[in-house]
Amino acid sequence: MATRPLPDRTATPNLASYEEACSTYTVEVPERFNPVVDIVERWAAEAPDDLALISLGPDGATVDQHTVAELAEEARRVAQALLDLGVKAGDPVFIMLPRASAWYAAILGVIRIGAVAMPGTNQLTSRDISYRIRAADGVAAITDAVGVGKIDAIEEEMPSLRTRISWNAGEQDGWHDFDSIRAAADPSGLDDSPTSKDDPMILFFTSGTVSYPKMVMHPTSYGLGHVSTARFWHDLRPGDRHWTVTDTGWAKAAWGGLFGQWHERATIVQVALGKPDADTILEIIRDADITSFCAPPTLYRLLVQADLASHDLAVLRHCTSAGEPLNPEVIRAWKDGTGGLTIYDGYGQSETTLLVANYPTMPVRPGSMGKPVPGWEVDVLSDEGEVMPDDSPGNIAVRVTEPRPLGLFSEYYRNAEANAKAFRDGWYYTGDKAWRDPDGYLWFEGRDDDVITSSAYRIGPFEVESALVEHASVQEAAVVGKDDPERTQIVCAFIVLAPGNEPSDELAAELQAHTRELTAPYKYPREIHFVDDLPKTVSGKIRRTELRDQLNEEGAS
């Protein structure tokens, strides 16, 4: 059972008035700024014993925990160790570590000296790692035993990679031991003003849903970009315990597990989950006193299939989701099963912080992305840059103001063509589609490449997928367009059935009829394919492009 006082679920949200927050919210970024110095070390100086990080094992048992003073000291030691090895400001450093406290020591140490952190998920292959290091001219790599094997297996030349650091891997030829160099470092002479707000800080690689990964460069001011994420969307207060279910290699780790939460003086909880298990996750929420929880839609879809009423979730105060739009049926099921907790959906990208969200102070319209986050001007534009009227789909675009919106990436690194396509006439085009209703709520349509054109109709896959997952037999669904000479494209659905259900022609017909009842008749899937699982990116997003290519290759054969 919870060991701390239960949170007040009726407490006034941080965003008490949406209109007021939009007109008044601002974060001042000093010219000389470093998030490790100005957020973590400042907190450590003011309240050194505050708990900053809790690391849990797969079963929820505590592996270790760090006060903010301990975390700051770990970061300083790693920073000095990197300097001692010749890593300097501006050098890209590849980091591929599991959900352990070492990841925090590594990434904070890299950022502390002004080097550029390049997070990578442990699911990367040798080929993936080679591409990233060679594309960015990475000078150092920090990884575990599995990563050591993958990097050592790379056959291509990586001339920029001068320094290799292993963690929890034993003695490795050609590698420095992370714990040893950290322990030996003396950080007493570190520069306390190492970076400016515009210096490069972190390099993400896009998930590659429709193209080969691009490099997304963020400046050090990005460390303050997620203040709005943590304050308005996660609704965090000092002392909250926040758990974002994410891999350390995804941009989502920065969304829910880095500087924004610490700026609000909340404790970050990370869990080394194996294969997600609903009962284990729900027990961790209870036993670890999680007050704020964020997970992707795929995980919520798993959780609502559990017996939620049998789990004591009284400690949980606030729930959020992002990655793909959340189906309305899942929102309803979670609320019914948890005694009234609403899942607040949000939208953003590796290129940005949170852009659009639902908030406790506003009515949630299930299926909607919500409204723009204070500090961002987000609208729906035509391809020619004109603002679209209400109820008309178009491009999700962000106004690029001066000063630049806090949290917007600097550029697609070394990719002039991508930059020219994304930044046009004072706007950043996200590559996603949406429409705006008369009250200003935005509704996701899909990626540019995901929108289906059928008999002159433009069909976003999300609405069809939402209808399908409302059927009791469906656990997951992905909808794509298949080339068709008569209609341009037809709607096809790939279905993962819920346990206890078997594929059949009868069930396929039932799902088609079910979809026609919930959506416009032209949107129903004319083909249904039952599959064991859906192809996904390392960040958990469905690779609709892979499904689409599979269909069209079959049609051509």
Protein backbone atom coordinates (compact mmCIF):
# COMPACT_ATOMS: atom_id res chain seq x y z
CA MET A 1 0.00 0.00 0.00
CA ALA A 2 1.01 3.62 -0.41
CA THR A 3 3.43 4.79 2.29
CA ARG A 4 2.91 8.51 1.78
CA PRO A 5 -0.22 10.63 2.16
CA LEU A 6 -2.62 10.16 -0.74
CA PRO A 7 -2.63 13.01 -3.29
CA ASP A 8 -5.58 15.35 -3.54
CA ARG A 9 -7.18 14.52 -6.88
CA THR A 10 -9.33 17.64 -6.57
CA ALA A 11 -6.41 20.07 -6.15
CA THR A 12 -6.44 23.13 -8.41
CA PRO A 13 -4.41 22.35 -11.54
CA ASN A 14 -1.28 24.35 -12.31
CA LEU A 15 -3.01 25.59 -15.43
CA ALA A 16 -6.04 27.11 -13.71
CA SER A 17 -7.02 29.27 -16.69
CA TYR A 18 -5.96 28.28 -20.19
CA GLU A 19 -6.45 31.76 -21.61
CA GLU A 20 -4.46 33.39 -18.81
CA ALA A 21 -1.62 30.91 -19.13
CA CYS A 22 -1.39 31.48 -22.89
CA SER A 23 -1.15 35.23 -22.42
CA THR A 24 1.25 35.28 -19.44
CA TYR A 25 3.42 32.14 -19.52
CA THR A 26 7.08 32.79 -20.18
CA VAL A 27 10.41 31.28 -19.14
CA GLU A 28 13.46 33.50 -19.08
CA VAL A 29 16.59 31.86 -20.47
CA PRO A 30 19.84 33.62 -19.53
CA GLU A 31 22.46 34.09 -22.24
CA ARG A 32 24.85 31.81 -20.37
CA PHE A 33 22.84 28.72 -19.51
CA ASN A 34 23.45 25.05 -18.78
CA PRO A 35 20.57 22.90 -17.49
CA VAL A 36 22.80 20.73 -15.30
CA VAL A 37 24.25 23.80 -13.59
CA ASP A 38 21.14 25.98 -13.55
CA ILE A 39 18.52 23.34 -12.72
CA VAL A 40 20.15 20.33 -11.06
CA GLU A 41 23.04 21.99 -9.22
CA ARG A 42 20.92 24.96 -8.18
CA TRP A 43 18.31 22.61 -6.70
CA ALA A 44 21.11 20.68 -4.96
CA ALA A 45 22.40 23.90 -3.39
CA GLU A 46 18.93 24.83 -2.12
CA ALA A 47 17.58 21.45 -1.00
CA PRO A 48 20.35 18.82 -1.21
CA ASP A 49 18.37 16.02 0.45
CA ASP A 50 15.39 16.18 -1.92
CA LEU A 51 14.89 12.90 -3.77
CA ALA A 52 15.59 13.41 -7.48
CA LEU A 53 15.75 9.90 -8.96
CA ILE A 54 14.44 6.44 -8.06
CA SER A 55 15.54 3.48 -10.17
CA LEU A 56 13.43 0.31 -10.02
CA GLY A 57 14.02 -3.18 -11.36
CA PRO A 58 11.62 -5.14 -13.60
CA ASP A 59 9.58 -6.31 -10.60
CA GLY A 60 9.37 -2.85 -9.07
CA ALA A 61 12.03 -3.41 -6.40
CA THR A 62 14.24 -0.37 -5.72
CA VAL A 63 17.69 -0.75 -7.28
CA ASP A 64 18.99 2.62 -6.11
CA GLN A 65 17.91 6.17 -5.48
CA HIS A 66 19.64 9.52 -5.58
CA THR A 67 19.12 12.77 -3.76
CA VAL A 68 19.60 15.79 -5.95
CA ALA A 69 22.97 16.47 -4.30
CA GLU A 70 24.14 12.93 -5.11
CA LEU A 71 22.92 13.23 -8.69
CA ALA A 72 24.70 16.57 -9.15
CA GLU A 73 27.95 15.10 -7.84
CA GLU A 74 27.66 12.08 -10.16
CA ALA A 75 27.19 14.40 -13.12
CA ARG A 76 30.19 16.52 -12.19
CA ARG A 77 32.43 13.47 -11.85
CA VAL A 78 31.41 12.10 -15.25
CA ALA A 79 31.89 15.56 -16.77
CA GLN A 80 35.44 15.74 -15.48
CA ALA A 81 36.18 12.16 -16.53
CA LEU A 82 35.12 12.99 -20.08
CA LEU A 83 37.32 16.08 -20.13
CA ASP A 84 40.23 13.97 -18.87
CA LEU A 85 39.70 11.64 -21.86
CA GLY A 86 39.80 14.53 -24.32
CA VAL A 87 36.07 15.02 -24.92
CA LYS A 88 35.31 18.72 -25.26
CA ALA A 89 32.42 21.12 -25.82
CA GLY A 90 30.58 20.49 -29.08
CA ASP A 91 31.75 16.86 -29.39
CA PRO A 92 28.92 14.38 -30.12
CA VAL A 93 28.82 11.52 -27.59
CA PHE A 94 26.74 8.43 -28.32
CA ILE A 95 24.98 7.06 -25.20
CA MET A 96 23.25 3.67 -25.27
CA LEU A 97 22.47 2.51 -21.76
CA PRO A 98 19.47 0.78 -20.18
CA ARG A 99 17.06 2.32 -17.70
CA ALA A 100 19.63 2.59 -14.91
CA SER A 101 21.03 5.50 -12.94
CA ALA A 102 24.21 5.30 -15.02
CA TRP A 103 22.27 6.72 -17.97
CA TYR A 104 21.52 9.84 -15.96
CA ALA A 105 25.12 10.21 -14.78
CA ALA A 106 26.30 9.84 -18.39
CA ILE A 107 23.90 12.21 -20.12
CA LEU A 108 24.18 14.86 -17.38
CA GLY A 109 27.95 14.61 -17.48
CA VAL A 110 28.01 15.05 -21.26
CA ILE A 111 25.69 18.07 -21.13
CA ARG A 112 27.59 19.54 -18.16
CA ILE A 113 30.71 20.16 -20.29
CA GLY A 114 28.82 21.35 -23.37
CA ALA A 115 29.30 18.16 -25.37
CA VAL A 116 26.37 16.93 -27.47
CA ALA A 117 24.44 13.93 -26.12
CA MET A 118 23.27 11.39 -28.72
CA PRO A 119 20.85 9.01 -26.93
CA GLY A 120 20.21 5.64 -28.54
CA THR A 121 17.83 2.85 -27.59
CA ASN A 122 19.30 -0.52 -26.62
CA GLN A 123 17.34 -2.05 -29.51
CA LEU A 124 19.67 -0.46 -32.05
CA THR A 125 21.66 -2.86 -34.20
CA SER A 126 25.34 -2.53 -35.10
CA ARG A 127 24.25 -1.05 -38.42
CA ASP A 128 22.05 1.53 -36.65
CA ILE A 129 24.84 2.53 -34.30
CA SER A 130 27.34 2.80 -37.13
CA TYR A 131 25.00 5.08 -39.07
CA ARG A 132 24.50 7.39 -36.10
CA ILE A 133 28.16 7.69 -35.16
CA ARG A 134 29.31 8.20 -38.75
CA ALA A 135 26.50 10.65 -39.61
CA ALA A 136 27.23 12.88 -36.62
CA ASP A 137 31.00 12.24 -36.36
CA GLY A 138 30.58 10.98 -32.82
CA VAL A 139 33.83 11.13 -30.86
CA ALA A 140 32.86 8.92 -27.92
CA ALA A 141 30.47 6.10 -27.05
CA ILE A 142 29.13 5.12 -23.62
CA THR A 143 27.33 1.78 -23.51
CA ASP A 144 26.83 -1.50 -21.62
CA ALA A 145 28.09 -5.02 -22.32
CA VAL A 146 25.55 -5.63 -25.08
CA GLY A 147 26.45 -2.34 -26.71
CA VAL A 148 30.14 -3.14 -26.52
CA GLY A 149 29.51 -6.28 -28.55
CA LYS A 150 27.47 -4.37 -31.12
CA ILE A 151 30.04 -1.60 -31.55
CA ASP A 152 32.96 -4.01 -31.70
CA ALA A 153 31.11 -5.92 -34.44
CA ILE A 154 30.87 -2.84 -36.70
CA GLU A 155 32.93 -3.40 -39.82
CA GLU A 156 32.75 0.11 -41.31
CA GLU A 157 35.44 2.59 -40.42
CA MET A 158 34.40 5.13 -37.77
CA PRO A 159 37.38 7.48 -37.78
CA SER A 160 35.75 10.05 -35.50
CA LEU A 161 35.19 7.55 -32.66
CA ARG A 162 38.21 8.05 -30.41
CA THR A 163 36.90 7.12 -26.98
CA ARG A 164 34.94 4.04 -25.90
CA ILE A 165 33.48 3.77 -22.38
CA SER A 166 31.75 0.65 -21.05
CA TRP A 167 29.43 0.32 -18.07
CA ASN A 168 28.75 -2.89 -16.16
CA ALA A 169 30.65 -4.85 -18.80
CA GLY A 170 33.75 -6.03 -16.99
CA GLU A 171 37.19 -5.51 -18.46
CA GLN A 172 36.98 -4.87 -22.20
CA ASP A 173 39.91 -4.45 -24.55
CA GLY A 174 39.99 -0.89 -25.91
CA TRP A 175 37.29 0.35 -23.53
CA HIS A 176 37.46 2.56 -20.42
CA ASP A 177 35.38 1.40 -17.45
CA PHE A 178 32.68 3.96 -16.68
CA ASP A 179 32.63 3.43 -12.90
CA SER A 180 36.42 3.53 -12.64
CA ILE A 181 36.92 6.79 -14.53
CA ARG A 182 34.01 8.34 -12.67
CA ALA A 183 35.47 7.40 -9.28
CA ALA A 184 38.93 8.71 -10.21
CA ALA A 185 37.77 12.09 -11.49
CA ASP A 186 38.26 15.29 -9.47
CA PRO A 187 35.59 17.79 -10.59
CA SER A 188 36.67 20.63 -8.30
CA GLY A 189 37.93 22.73 -11.21
CA LEU A 190 34.91 22.46 -13.50
CA ASP A 191 33.72 25.59 -15.29
CA ASP A 192 30.46 26.76 -13.66
CA SER A 193 29.31 28.59 -16.81
CA PRO A 194 30.22 26.18 -19.59
CA THR A 195 27.61 26.92 -22.26
CA SER A 196 25.43 29.56 -23.86
CA LYS A 197 21.71 29.04 -24.43
CA ASP A 198 22.23 28.49 -28.17
CA ASP A 199 25.05 25.95 -27.96
CA PRO A 200 24.17 22.46 -29.27
CA MET A 201 23.11 20.10 -26.47
CA ILE A 202 21.26 17.01 -27.61
CA LEU A 203 20.93 15.20 -30.93
CA PHE A 204 17.90 12.97 -31.48
CA PHE A 205 17.35 10.70 -34.44
CA THR A 206 13.81 10.68 -35.80
CA SER A 207 11.99 7.38 -35.50
CA GLY A 208 12.02 6.82 -39.23
CA THR A 209 8.32 6.20 -39.75
CA VAL A 210 8.40 7.45 -43.33
CA SER A 211 12.08 8.00 -44.10
CA TYR A 212 15.60 7.20 -42.99
CA PRO A 213 16.27 8.81 -39.57
CA LYS A 214 17.11 12.51 -39.63
CA MET A 215 19.29 14.17 -37.01
CA VAL A 216 17.39 16.64 -34.83
CA MET A 217 19.62 19.14 -33.03
CA HIS A 218 18.42 20.95 -29.91
CA PRO A 219 20.25 23.80 -28.12
CA THR A 220 20.92 24.00 -24.39
CA SER A 221 17.77 26.13 -23.93
CA TYR A 222 15.88 22.88 -24.65
CA GLY A 223 16.60 22.09 -21.00
CA LEU A 224 13.91 24.65 -20.11
CA GLY A 225 11.60 23.76 -22.97
CA HIS A 226 9.91 20.97 -21.04
CA VAL A 227 8.98 23.19 -18.11
CA SER A 228 5.60 23.67 -19.80
CA THR A 229 5.37 19.90 -20.36
CA ALA A 230 5.94 19.16 -16.69
CA ARG A 231 3.94 22.07 -15.27
CA PHE A 232 0.85 22.16 -17.47
CA TRP A 233 0.54 18.65 -18.92
CA HIS A 234 2.02 16.47 -16.17
CA ASP A 235 0.64 18.98 -13.64
CA LEU A 236 3.58 18.38 -11.31
CA ARG A 237 4.11 19.82 -7.85
CA PRO A 238 7.19 19.58 -5.61
CA GLY A 239 7.41 16.09 -4.14
CA ASP A 240 5.39 14.39 -6.87
CA ARG A 241 6.73 11.10 -8.17
CA HIS A 242 6.52 10.97 -11.93
CA TRP A 243 6.95 7.86 -14.09
CA THR A 244 7.07 8.12 -17.86
CA VAL A 245 7.24 4.67 -19.42
CA THR A 246 9.96 5.11 -22.02
CA ASP A 247 13.25 3.83 -23.29
CA THR A 248 16.29 5.99 -22.57
CA GLY A 249 17.01 6.29 -26.30
CA TRP A 250 13.76 8.06 -27.19
CA ALA A 251 13.07 11.78 -27.11
CA LYS A 252 10.25 10.83 -24.73
CA ALA A 253 12.92 10.26 -22.07
CA ALA A 254 13.59 14.01 -22.18
CA TRP A 255 9.87 14.77 -22.18
CA GLY A 256 9.15 12.89 -18.97
CA GLY A 257 12.45 12.04 -17.35
CA LEU A 258 14.92 14.89 -17.45
CA PHE A 259 15.02 18.62 -16.78
CA GLY A 260 11.37 19.70 -16.90
CA GLN A 261 10.33 17.51 -13.98
CA TRP A 262 13.35 18.53 -11.89
CA HIS A 263 12.66 22.20 -12.61
CA GLU A 264 9.30 21.62 -10.91
CA ARG A 265 11.10 19.80 -8.04
CA ALA A 266 9.44 16.43 -8.71
CA THR A 267 11.08 13.03 -8.31
CA ILE A 268 11.66 11.03 -11.49
CA VAL A 269 11.01 7.29 -11.32
CA GLN A 270 12.50 4.99 -13.95
CA VAL A 271 11.72 1.29 -14.23
CA ALA A 272 13.79 -1.34 -16.07
CA LEU A 273 10.66 -3.01 -17.41
CA GLY A 274 10.91 -6.17 -19.45
CA LYS A 275 7.95 -7.17 -21.57
CA PRO A 276 5.07 -5.01 -20.32
CA ASP A 277 2.74 -6.82 -17.97
CA ALA A 278 -0.42 -5.00 -16.87
CA ASP A 279 -0.56 -6.32 -13.31
CA THR A 280 3.14 -5.61 -12.69
CA ILE A 281 2.81 -2.04 -13.95
CA LEU A 282 -0.27 -1.37 -11.84
CA GLU A 283 1.46 -2.82 -8.76
CA ILE A 284 4.49 -0.58 -9.36
CA ILE A 285 2.24 2.47 -9.51
CA ARG A 286 0.85 1.50 -6.11
CA ASP A 287 4.03 0.37 -4.36
CA ALA A 288 6.32 3.14 -5.68
CA ASP A 289 3.82 5.86 -4.79
CA ILE A 290 3.55 7.09 -8.39
CA THR A 291 1.43 10.24 -8.38
CA SER A 292 1.86 11.15 -12.06
CA PHE A 293 1.99 8.52 -14.82
CA CYS A 294 2.65 8.84 -18.54
CA ALA A 295 2.54 5.96 -21.02
CA PRO A 296 2.02 5.43 -24.74
CA PRO A 297 -1.44 4.46 -26.05
CA THR A 298 -0.31 0.89 -26.73
CA LEU A 299 0.39 0.43 -23.02
CA TYR A 300 -2.90 1.97 -21.90
CA ARG A 301 -4.67 -0.41 -24.27
CA LEU A 302 -2.95 -3.26 -22.44
CA LEU A 303 -3.72 -1.86 -18.99
CA VAL A 304 -7.46 -1.43 -19.55
CA GLN A 305 -7.73 -5.14 -20.34
CA ALA A 306 -6.63 -5.90 -16.76
CA ASP A 307 -8.98 -5.96 -13.79
CA LEU A 308 -8.35 -2.34 -12.86
CA ALA A 309 -10.81 -2.44 -9.96
CA SER A 310 -8.68 -5.07 -8.20
CA HIS A 311 -5.70 -2.70 -7.96
CA ASP A 312 -5.45 0.05 -5.37
CA LEU A 313 -4.49 3.12 -7.42
CA ALA A 314 -5.51 5.72 -4.85
CA VAL A 315 -1.96 7.14 -4.85
CA LEU A 316 -2.22 8.04 -8.55
CA ARG A 317 -3.37 11.61 -9.17
CA HIS A 318 -2.68 12.41 -12.82
CA CYS A 319 -2.32 10.44 -16.09
CA THR A 320 -1.02 11.45 -19.52
CA SER A 321 -0.31 9.82 -22.86
CA ALA A 322 1.54 10.66 -26.07
CA GLY A 323 3.21 9.02 -29.03
CA GLU A 324 0.07 8.47 -31.09
CA PRO A 325 -3.48 9.74 -30.54
CA LEU A 326 -5.34 7.91 -27.79
CA ASN A 327 -8.55 6.09 -28.67
CA PRO A 328 -11.68 7.44 -26.95
CA GLU A 329 -12.73 3.98 -25.79
CA VAL A 330 -9.46 3.55 -23.87
CA ILE A 331 -9.96 6.91 -22.15
CA ARG A 332 -13.44 5.82 -21.06
CA ALA A 333 -12.32 2.39 -19.87
CA TRP A 334 -9.43 3.82 -17.84
CA LYS A 335 -11.63 6.43 -16.21
CA ASP A 336 -14.26 3.85 -15.27
CA GLY A 337 -11.68 1.40 -13.92
CA THR A 338 -9.61 3.87 -11.87
CA GLY A 339 -12.33 5.75 -10.06
CA GLY A 340 -12.44 8.77 -12.33
CA LEU A 341 -8.88 9.35 -13.58
CA THR A 342 -8.77 11.00 -16.99
CA ILE A 343 -5.93 10.35 -19.45
CA TYR A 344 -4.77 13.67 -20.85
CA ASP A 345 -3.51 13.13 -24.39
CA GLY A 346 -0.67 15.23 -25.76
CA TYR A 347 1.12 15.81 -29.04
CA GLY A 348 4.64 16.83 -29.97
CA GLN A 349 7.70 15.54 -31.77
CA SER A 350 11.40 14.82 -31.38
CA GLU A 351 11.79 18.24 -33.04
CA THR A 352 9.79 20.02 -30.32
CA THR A 353 8.62 19.77 -26.77
CA LEU A 354 4.90 19.27 -26.09
CA LEU A 355 2.94 21.33 -28.64
CA VAL A 356 -0.72 20.47 -28.10
CA ALA A 357 -2.38 18.87 -25.10
CA ASN A 358 -5.43 18.29 -22.99
CA TYR A 359 -5.43 19.80 -19.49
CA PRO A 360 -7.33 19.22 -16.22
CA THR A 361 -8.78 22.71 -16.37
CA MET A 362 -10.51 22.10 -19.73
CA PRO A 363 -13.14 19.59 -20.86
CA VAL A 364 -11.49 16.68 -22.64
CA ARG A 365 -12.96 15.84 -26.01
CA PRO A 366 -12.04 12.16 -26.43
CA GLY A 367 -10.00 11.69 -29.57
CA SER A 368 -8.84 15.32 -29.71
CA MET A 369 -5.21 16.36 -29.32
CA GLY A 370 -6.42 19.28 -27.21
CA LYS A 371 -5.26 22.88 -27.55
CA PRO A 372 -1.81 24.44 -28.08
CA VAL A 373 0.48 24.51 -25.06
CA PRO A 374 1.12 27.97 -23.58
CA GLY A 375 4.24 29.37 -25.19
CA TRP A 376 3.48 27.88 -28.63
CA GLU A 377 1.45 29.19 -31.56
CA VAL A 378 0.19 26.13 -33.42
CA ASP A 379 -2.29 26.23 -36.30
CA VAL A 380 -3.54 24.29 -39.31
CA LEU A 381 -2.20 25.55 -42.66
CA SER A 382 -2.68 24.71 -46.30
CA ASP A 383 0.29 23.63 -48.41
CA GLU A 384 0.48 27.27 -49.60
CA GLY A 385 0.73 28.59 -46.03
CA GLU A 386 -2.83 29.85 -45.61
CA VAL A 387 -4.67 29.27 -42.34
CA MET A 388 -7.32 26.62 -42.94
CA PRO A 389 -10.92 27.24 -41.93
CA ASP A 390 -12.42 25.25 -39.07
CA ASP A 391 -13.22 21.58 -39.76
CA SER A 392 -10.83 21.47 -42.74
CA PRO A 393 -7.74 19.24 -42.56
CA GLY A 394 -4.32 20.71 -43.23
CA ASN A 395 -0.73 20.81 -42.01
CA ILE A 396 0.07 21.14 -38.32
CA ALA A 397 2.44 24.09 -38.24
CA VAL A 398 4.28 26.07 -35.57
CA ARG A 399 4.88 29.81 -35.78
CA VAL A 400 8.62 30.51 -35.66
CA THR A 401 8.86 33.73 -33.70
CA GLU A 402 11.77 35.85 -32.53
CA PRO A 403 12.95 34.90 -29.99
CA ARG A 404 12.56 31.34 -31.19
CA PRO A 405 9.93 29.24 -29.39
CA LEU A 406 11.50 27.57 -26.38
CA GLY A 407 11.80 23.86 -27.18
CA LEU A 408 11.87 24.09 -30.98
CA PHE A 409 14.87 22.33 -32.48
CA SER A 410 17.66 24.34 -34.07
CA GLU A 411 17.84 22.37 -37.32
CA TYR A 412 17.95 19.04 -39.02
CA TYR A 413 21.68 18.59 -38.58
CA ARG A 414 23.58 18.43 -41.86
CA ASN A 415 20.38 18.28 -43.91
CA ALA A 416 19.70 21.49 -45.81
CA GLU A 417 16.99 19.89 -47.92
CA ALA A 418 14.98 18.78 -44.90
CA ASN A 419 15.35 22.20 -43.30
CA ALA A 420 14.12 23.96 -46.44
CA LYS A 421 11.07 21.70 -46.56
CA ALA A 422 10.23 22.07 -42.86
CA PHE A 423 10.82 25.82 -42.37
CA ARG A 424 8.83 28.03 -44.75
CA ASP A 425 7.56 31.60 -44.50
CA GLY A 426 7.91 31.88 -40.74
CA TRP A 427 6.41 28.49 -39.93
CA TYR A 428 7.74 25.06 -39.04
CA TYR A 429 5.72 22.35 -40.83
CA THR A 430 5.59 19.26 -38.63
CA GLY A 431 4.71 16.82 -41.41
CA ASP A 432 1.51 15.86 -39.58
CA LYS A 433 -2.09 16.56 -40.52
CA ALA A 434 -4.95 17.77 -38.33
CA TRP A 435 -8.13 19.82 -38.36
CA ARG A 436 -9.37 22.45 -35.92
CA ASP A 437 -12.90 22.58 -34.57
CA PRO A 438 -14.74 25.89 -33.93
CA ASP A 439 -13.65 25.86 -30.26
CA GLY A 440 -9.95 25.61 -31.09
CA TYR A 441 -9.45 21.93 -30.33
CA LEU A 442 -7.14 20.13 -32.77
CA TRP A 443 -7.90 16.65 -34.13
CA PHE A 444 -5.12 14.47 -35.48
CA GLU A 445 -5.47 13.10 -39.03
CA GLY A 446 -2.13 11.36 -39.54
CA ARG A 447 1.27 11.82 -41.10
CA ASP A 448 1.42 13.29 -44.59
CA ASP A 449 2.23 9.84 -45.90
CA ASP A 450 -0.44 8.10 -43.81
CA VAL A 451 -3.49 9.98 -45.07
CA ILE A 452 -5.51 7.75 -47.41
CA THR A 453 -7.08 9.12 -50.60
CA SER A 454 -10.04 7.00 -51.68
CA SER A 455 -12.56 8.04 -54.33
CA ALA A 456 -11.59 11.70 -53.77
CA TYR A 457 -12.08 11.32 -50.01
CA ARG A 458 -9.13 11.96 -47.68
CA ILE A 459 -9.24 9.50 -44.81
CA GLY A 460 -7.07 9.78 -41.70
CA PRO A 461 -6.24 6.34 -40.31
CA PHE A 462 -6.81 7.29 -36.70
CA GLU A 463 -10.58 7.53 -36.84
CA VAL A 464 -10.86 4.10 -38.44
CA GLU A 465 -8.40 2.60 -35.96
CA SER A 466 -10.34 4.13 -33.07
CA ALA A 467 -13.55 2.54 -34.31
CA LEU A 468 -11.92 -0.86 -34.69
CA VAL A 469 -10.40 -0.95 -31.20
CA GLU A 470 -13.80 -0.24 -29.69
CA HIS A 471 -14.77 -3.76 -30.75
CA ALA A 472 -14.25 -6.20 -27.88
CA SER A 473 -12.26 -8.62 -30.04
CA VAL A 474 -9.59 -6.06 -31.09
CA GLN A 475 -6.47 -5.30 -29.07
CA GLU A 476 -4.61 -3.18 -31.64
CA ALA A 477 -5.31 -1.92 -35.13
CA ALA A 478 -3.36 -0.17 -37.87
CA VAL A 479 -5.01 1.26 -40.97
CA VAL A 480 -3.23 2.05 -44.25
CA GLY A 481 -4.09 2.72 -47.86
CA LYS A 482 -3.59 0.12 -50.58
CA ASP A 483 -3.19 1.24 -54.18
CA ASP A 484 -6.36 0.63 -56.18
CA PRO A 485 -6.90 1.50 -59.87
CA GLU A 486 -10.55 2.41 -59.33
CA ARG A 487 -10.48 4.37 -56.08
CA THR A 488 -6.81 5.48 -55.99
CA GLN A 489 -6.56 3.69 -52.64
CA ILE A 490 -8.71 1.45 -50.51
CA VAL A 491 -8.69 1.28 -46.72
CA CYS A 492 -6.99 -1.81 -45.28
CA ALA A 493 -6.78 -2.78 -41.62
CA PHE A 494 -4.26 -4.95 -39.81
CA ILE A 495 -5.74 -6.38 -36.63
CA VAL A 496 -4.15 -7.85 -33.50
CA LEU A 497 -6.91 -9.73 -31.73
CA ALA A 498 -7.46 -9.61 -27.98
CA PRO A 499 -6.76 -12.88 -26.13
CA GLY A 500 -9.45 -15.50 -26.59
CA ASN A 501 -10.39 -14.51 -30.14
CA GLU A 502 -9.59 -16.31 -33.38
CA PRO A 503 -9.40 -14.95 -36.94
CA SER A 504 -12.27 -15.79 -39.24
CA ASP A 505 -14.10 -14.45 -42.28
CA GLU A 506 -17.13 -13.97 -40.06
CA LEU A 507 -15.19 -11.83 -37.61
CA ALA A 508 -13.73 -9.76 -40.47
CA ALA A 509 -17.24 -9.06 -41.78
CA GLU A 510 -18.37 -8.20 -38.26
CA LEU A 511 -15.54 -5.69 -37.87
CA GLN A 512 -16.36 -4.09 -41.21
CA ALA A 513 -19.99 -3.69 -40.18
CA HIS A 514 -18.91 -2.38 -36.78
CA THR A 515 -16.71 0.27 -38.42
CA ARG A 516 -19.48 1.35 -40.79
CA GLU A 517 -21.70 1.93 -37.77
CA LEU A 518 -19.17 4.20 -36.06
CA THR A 519 -17.69 6.11 -39.00
CA ALA A 520 -18.76 7.39 -42.40
CA PRO A 521 -19.46 4.40 -44.68
CA TYR A 522 -16.65 5.26 -47.09
CA LYS A 523 -14.10 4.86 -44.30
CA TYR A 524 -14.66 1.20 -43.48
CA PRO A 525 -11.75 -1.18 -44.22
CA ARG A 526 -12.39 -3.11 -47.43
CA GLU A 527 -9.65 -5.54 -46.47
CA ILE A 528 -8.85 -6.90 -43.02
CA HIS A 529 -5.66 -8.78 -42.25
CA PHE A 530 -5.28 -10.58 -38.92
CA VAL A 531 -1.69 -10.49 -37.62
CA ASP A 532 0.15 -11.55 -34.46
CA ASP A 533 1.74 -8.14 -33.98
CA LEU A 534 2.28 -4.81 -35.71
CA PRO A 535 5.64 -3.52 -36.95
CA LYS A 536 6.77 -0.61 -34.81
CA THR A 537 9.64 1.81 -34.55
CA VAL A 538 11.96 1.59 -31.55
CA SER A 539 9.85 4.31 -29.94
CA GLY A 540 6.69 2.22 -30.21
CA LYS A 541 5.02 3.95 -33.13
CA ILE A 542 3.30 1.79 -35.73
CA ARG A 543 5.27 1.60 -38.97
CA ARG A 544 2.33 2.09 -41.32
CA THR A 545 4.73 2.63 -44.19
CA GLU A 546 5.95 -0.97 -43.78
CA LEU A 547 2.39 -2.29 -43.84
CA ARG A 548 1.57 -0.14 -46.87
CA ASP A 549 4.63 -1.34 -48.76
CA GLN A 550 3.77 -4.94 -47.93
CA LEU A 551 0.28 -4.57 -49.37
CA ASN A 552 1.39 -2.85 -52.52
CA GLU A 553 4.16 -5.38 -53.15
CA GLU A 554 1.63 -8.20 -52.86
CA GLY A 555 -0.66 -6.41 -55.29
CA ALA A 556 2.12 -6.06 -57.83
CA SER A 557 3.18 -9.71 -57.67
